[in-house]
Structures are given as structure tokens and as C-alpha cells.
Amino acid sequence: MKMLKTLIATVSAIAVLGLVSTSFAAENASKEKTITGTAKCAKCSLKEADTCQTVIERAGKNGKTTKIYLENNDVAKDFHGKICKEADGKKVKATGTTKKEDGKMVMTASKIETTE
């Protein structure tokens, strides 16, 4: 009987910890971040895609360039015409939620503006 109570308490504790960590992960994923960098077209400037998509390149912590791919929502589509076919891109500030998808950082932008 004592062993059964211990087992139930342990399973309950694990379940509670699982729910708490899931809610923290969901909360962090939904927080908007603002990033700065150079916006370029994945197809026209970077030559790494078959279709146009906005990519923001920025310097990483170790000096290596990091790429954040913008989800093709209305905000990104409206902005894309400003940078498409520009070899050097434009300096931008973008706000949105980020997630890792297929090994790439993807941002769903709620606001993008040029800083030049």
C-alpha cells in the first residue's frame, strides 16, 4: 500500500511538472521579439529558394551570420516589394514571434520597417 501511494505521488508530480513546463514553453513562444538586420530575398538575392521570401540576416553571438526566414503572412508580403531584387538588401527592424522549423529560425512578423 505504501508503495502504491508513493507511485501515485510520483506520477502526479511528473504530470504537474509536465503541464507547467509546457505552459512556460507556450508562453515564451508567443512573446514577440524585435530583431534588426539586413532584409534580403531568399530567391533573388540569396539564391537559396525557388520562390521569393523575405530573410533577415544578422550577426550572431559568435560573429557568424544568422538567417531568420519570415513567414509569408500579409505583413511580410506587403514589405517584400521593398527588398526584392536588391542585391544588398535593406536594414530593417522586425517584430514578431519566432520558432525553429526544419532547422531554420522562422518569424511570423507583426511589423517590419526599414531603418535606413
C-alpha atoms as a PDB file:
ATOM      1  CA  MET A   1       0.000   0.000   0.000  1.00  0.00           C
ATOM      2  CA  LYS A   2       2.822   2.380   0.890  1.00  0.00           C
ATOM      3  CA  MET A   3       4.476   1.633  -2.458  1.00  0.00           C
ATOM      4  CA  LEU A   4       1.223   2.401  -4.313  1.00  0.00           C
ATOM      5  CA  LYS A   5       0.895   5.795  -2.593  1.00  0.00           C
ATOM      6  CA  THR A   6       4.500   6.635  -3.490  1.00  0.00           C
ATOM      7  CA  LEU A   7       3.900   5.636  -7.103  1.00  0.00           C
ATOM      8  CA  ILE A   8       0.741   7.758  -7.338  1.00  0.00           C
ATOM      9  CA  ALA A   9       2.515  10.756  -5.771  1.00  0.00           C
ATOM     10  CA  THR A  10       5.445  10.407  -8.170  1.00  0.00           C
ATOM     11  CA  VAL A  11       3.211  10.130 -11.251  1.00  0.00           C
ATOM     12  CA  SER A  12       1.178  13.143 -10.078  1.00  0.00           C
ATOM     13  CA  ALA A  13       4.319  15.222  -9.562  1.00  0.00           C
ATOM     14  CA  ILE A  14       5.622  14.343 -13.033  1.00  0.00           C
ATOM     15  CA  ALA A  15       2.268  15.251 -14.607  1.00  0.00           C
ATOM     16  CA  VAL A  16       2.211  18.634 -12.858  1.00  0.00           C
ATOM     17  CA  LEU A  17       5.788  19.397 -13.889  1.00  0.00           C
ATOM     18  CA  GLY A  18       4.952  18.449 -17.478  1.00  0.00           C
ATOM     19  CA  LEU A  19       1.988  20.834 -17.556  1.00  0.00           C
ATOM     20  CA  VAL A  20       3.983  23.680 -16.011  1.00  0.00           C
ATOM     21  CA  SER A  21       6.908  23.331 -18.427  1.00  0.00           C
ATOM     22  CA  THR A  22       4.510  23.132 -21.405  1.00  0.00           C
ATOM     23  CA  SER A  23       2.763  26.335 -20.347  1.00  0.00           C
ATOM     24  CA  PHE A  24       6.112  28.133 -19.949  1.00  0.00           C
ATOM     25  CA  ALA A  25       7.195  26.974 -23.421  1.00  0.00           C
ATOM     26  CA  ALA A  26       3.918  28.164 -24.951  1.00  0.00           C
ATOM     27  CA  GLU A  27       4.235  31.493 -23.155  1.00  0.00           C
ATOM     28  CA  ASN A  28       7.803  32.036 -24.400  1.00  0.00           C
ATOM     29  CA  ALA A  29       6.900  31.061 -27.961  1.00  0.00           C
ATOM     30  CA  SER A  30       4.049  33.578 -28.049  1.00  0.00           C
ATOM     31  CA  LYS A  31       6.123  36.537 -26.850  1.00  0.00           C
ATOM     32  CA  GLU A  32       7.028  38.969 -29.584  1.00  0.00           C
ATOM     33  CA  LYS A  33      10.659  39.849 -30.158  1.00  0.00           C
ATOM     34  CA  THR A  34      12.191  42.708 -32.107  1.00  0.00           C
ATOM     35  CA  ILE A  35      15.222  41.961 -34.260  1.00  0.00           C
ATOM     36  CA  THR A  36      17.387  44.087 -36.515  1.00  0.00           C
ATOM     37  CA  GLY A  37      19.388  43.067 -39.549  1.00  0.00           C
ATOM     38  CA  THR A  38      19.508  43.188 -43.331  1.00  0.00           C
ATOM     39  CA  ALA A  39      16.406  42.014 -45.211  1.00  0.00           C
ATOM     40  CA  LYS A  40      17.028  40.154 -48.465  1.00  0.00           C
ATOM     41  CA  CYS A  41      15.042  37.979 -50.857  1.00  0.00           C
ATOM     42  CA  ALA A  42      15.737  34.248 -50.474  1.00  0.00           C
ATOM     43  CA  LYS A  43      15.303  33.737 -54.227  1.00  0.00           C
ATOM     44  CA  CYS A  44      16.666  36.893 -55.881  1.00  0.00           C
ATOM     45  CA  SER A  45      19.480  37.957 -53.523  1.00  0.00           C
ATOM     46  CA  LEU A  46      20.492  34.819 -51.660  1.00  0.00           C
ATOM     47  CA  LYS A  47      19.780  32.310 -54.485  1.00  0.00           C
ATOM     48  CA  GLU A  48      18.662  29.633 -51.994  1.00  0.00           C
ATOM     49  CA  ALA A  49      14.961  29.253 -52.769  1.00  0.00           C
ATOM     50  CA  ASP A  50      12.669  28.712 -55.742  1.00  0.00           C
ATOM     51  CA  THR A  51      10.178  31.346 -54.573  1.00  0.00           C
ATOM     52  CA  CYS A  52      10.525  34.819 -53.155  1.00  0.00           C
ATOM     53  CA  GLN A  53      10.632  35.042 -49.363  1.00  0.00           C
ATOM     54  CA  THR A  54      11.995  37.696 -47.025  1.00  0.00           C
ATOM     55  CA  VAL A  55      15.043  36.659 -44.993  1.00  0.00           C
ATOM     56  CA  ILE A  56      16.672  38.806 -42.327  1.00  0.00           C
ATOM     57  CA  GLU A  57      20.412  38.291 -41.941  1.00  0.00           C
ATOM     58  CA  ARG A  58      22.013  39.393 -38.691  1.00  0.00           C
ATOM     59  CA  ALA A  59      25.285  38.922 -36.877  1.00  0.00           C
ATOM     60  CA  GLY A  60      25.167  36.074 -34.376  1.00  0.00           C
ATOM     61  CA  LYS A  61      26.849  35.900 -30.991  1.00  0.00           C
ATOM     62  CA  ASN A  62      29.971  34.284 -32.424  1.00  0.00           C
ATOM     63  CA  GLY A  63      30.221  36.672 -35.401  1.00  0.00           C
ATOM     64  CA  LYS A  64      28.588  34.131 -37.713  1.00  0.00           C
ATOM     65  CA  THR A  65      25.670  35.337 -39.843  1.00  0.00           C
ATOM     66  CA  THR A  66      22.260  34.097 -38.692  1.00  0.00           C
ATOM     67  CA  LYS A  67      19.252  33.952 -41.028  1.00  0.00           C
ATOM     68  CA  ILE A  68      15.660  34.394 -39.913  1.00  0.00           C
ATOM     69  CA  TYR A  69      13.078  33.438 -42.543  1.00  0.00           C
ATOM     70  CA  LEU A  70       9.843  35.426 -42.460  1.00  0.00           C
ATOM     71  CA  GLU A  71       6.573  33.547 -42.686  1.00  0.00           C
ATOM     72  CA  ASN A  72       4.714  34.711 -45.813  1.00  0.00           C
ATOM     73  CA  ASN A  73       1.894  36.471 -43.957  1.00  0.00           C
ATOM     74  CA  ASP A  74       0.324  39.777 -45.083  1.00  0.00           C
ATOM     75  CA  VAL A  75       2.947  41.891 -43.281  1.00  0.00           C
ATOM     76  CA  ALA A  76       5.885  40.103 -44.938  1.00  0.00           C
ATOM     77  CA  LYS A  77       4.210  40.056 -48.372  1.00  0.00           C
ATOM     78  CA  ASP A  78       3.466  43.805 -48.231  1.00  0.00           C
ATOM     79  CA  PHE A  79       7.070  44.556 -47.245  1.00  0.00           C
ATOM     80  CA  HIS A  80       8.770  42.170 -49.693  1.00  0.00           C
ATOM     81  CA  GLY A  81       8.491  44.504 -52.694  1.00  0.00           C
ATOM     82  CA  LYS A  82      10.863  46.946 -50.964  1.00  0.00           C
ATOM     83  CA  ILE A  83      13.740  44.431 -50.903  1.00  0.00           C
ATOM     84  CA  CYS A  84      13.105  42.003 -53.760  1.00  0.00           C
ATOM     85  CA  LYS A  85      15.782  42.135 -56.477  1.00  0.00           C
ATOM     86  CA  GLU A  86      18.081  44.297 -54.329  1.00  0.00           C
ATOM     87  CA  ALA A  87      21.468  42.598 -54.060  1.00  0.00           C
ATOM     88  CA  ASP A  88      22.493  44.312 -50.814  1.00  0.00           C
ATOM     89  CA  GLY A  89      19.066  44.320 -49.173  1.00  0.00           C
ATOM     90  CA  LYS A  90      17.920  46.931 -46.664  1.00  0.00           C
ATOM     91  CA  LYS A  91      18.498  47.439 -42.961  1.00  0.00           C
ATOM     92  CA  VAL A  92      15.309  46.618 -41.087  1.00  0.00           C
ATOM     93  CA  LYS A  93      13.733  46.238 -37.687  1.00  0.00           C
ATOM     94  CA  ALA A  94      11.118  43.466 -37.456  1.00  0.00           C
ATOM     95  CA  THR A  95       8.816  42.493 -34.619  1.00  0.00           C
ATOM     96  CA  GLY A  96       7.091  39.129 -34.311  1.00  0.00           C
ATOM     97  CA  THR A  97       7.124  35.660 -32.819  1.00  0.00           C
ATOM     98  CA  THR A  98       9.903  33.227 -33.662  1.00  0.00           C
ATOM     99  CA  LYS A  99      10.140  29.456 -33.756  1.00  0.00           C
ATOM    100  CA  LYS A 100      12.560  26.841 -35.020  1.00  0.00           C
ATOM    101  CA  GLU A 101      11.205  24.917 -38.004  1.00  0.00           C
ATOM    102  CA  ASP A 102      13.156  22.308 -40.002  1.00  0.00           C
ATOM    103  CA  GLY A 103      16.413  23.588 -38.507  1.00  0.00           C
ATOM    104  CA  LYS A 104      15.691  27.217 -39.522  1.00  0.00           C
ATOM    105  CA  MET A 105      14.574  30.187 -37.469  1.00  0.00           C
ATOM    106  CA  VAL A 106      11.184  31.379 -38.730  1.00  0.00           C
ATOM    107  CA  MET A 107       9.498  34.626 -37.689  1.00  0.00           C
ATOM    108  CA  THR A 108       5.840  35.487 -38.044  1.00  0.00           C
ATOM    109  CA  ALA A 109       6.174  39.253 -38.371  1.00  0.00           C
ATOM    110  CA  SER A 110       3.621  41.682 -36.996  1.00  0.00           C
ATOM    111  CA  LYS A 111       5.637  44.745 -38.032  1.00  0.00           C
ATOM    112  CA  ILE A 112       8.585  45.451 -40.344  1.00  0.00           C
ATOM    113  CA  GLU A 113      10.200  48.807 -41.009  1.00  0.00           C
ATOM    114  CA  THR A 114      13.344  49.967 -42.756  1.00  0.00           C
ATOM    115  CA  THR A 115      15.945  51.710 -40.632  1.00  0.00           C
ATOM    116  CA  GLU A 116      17.918  53.330 -43.446  1.00  0.00           C
END
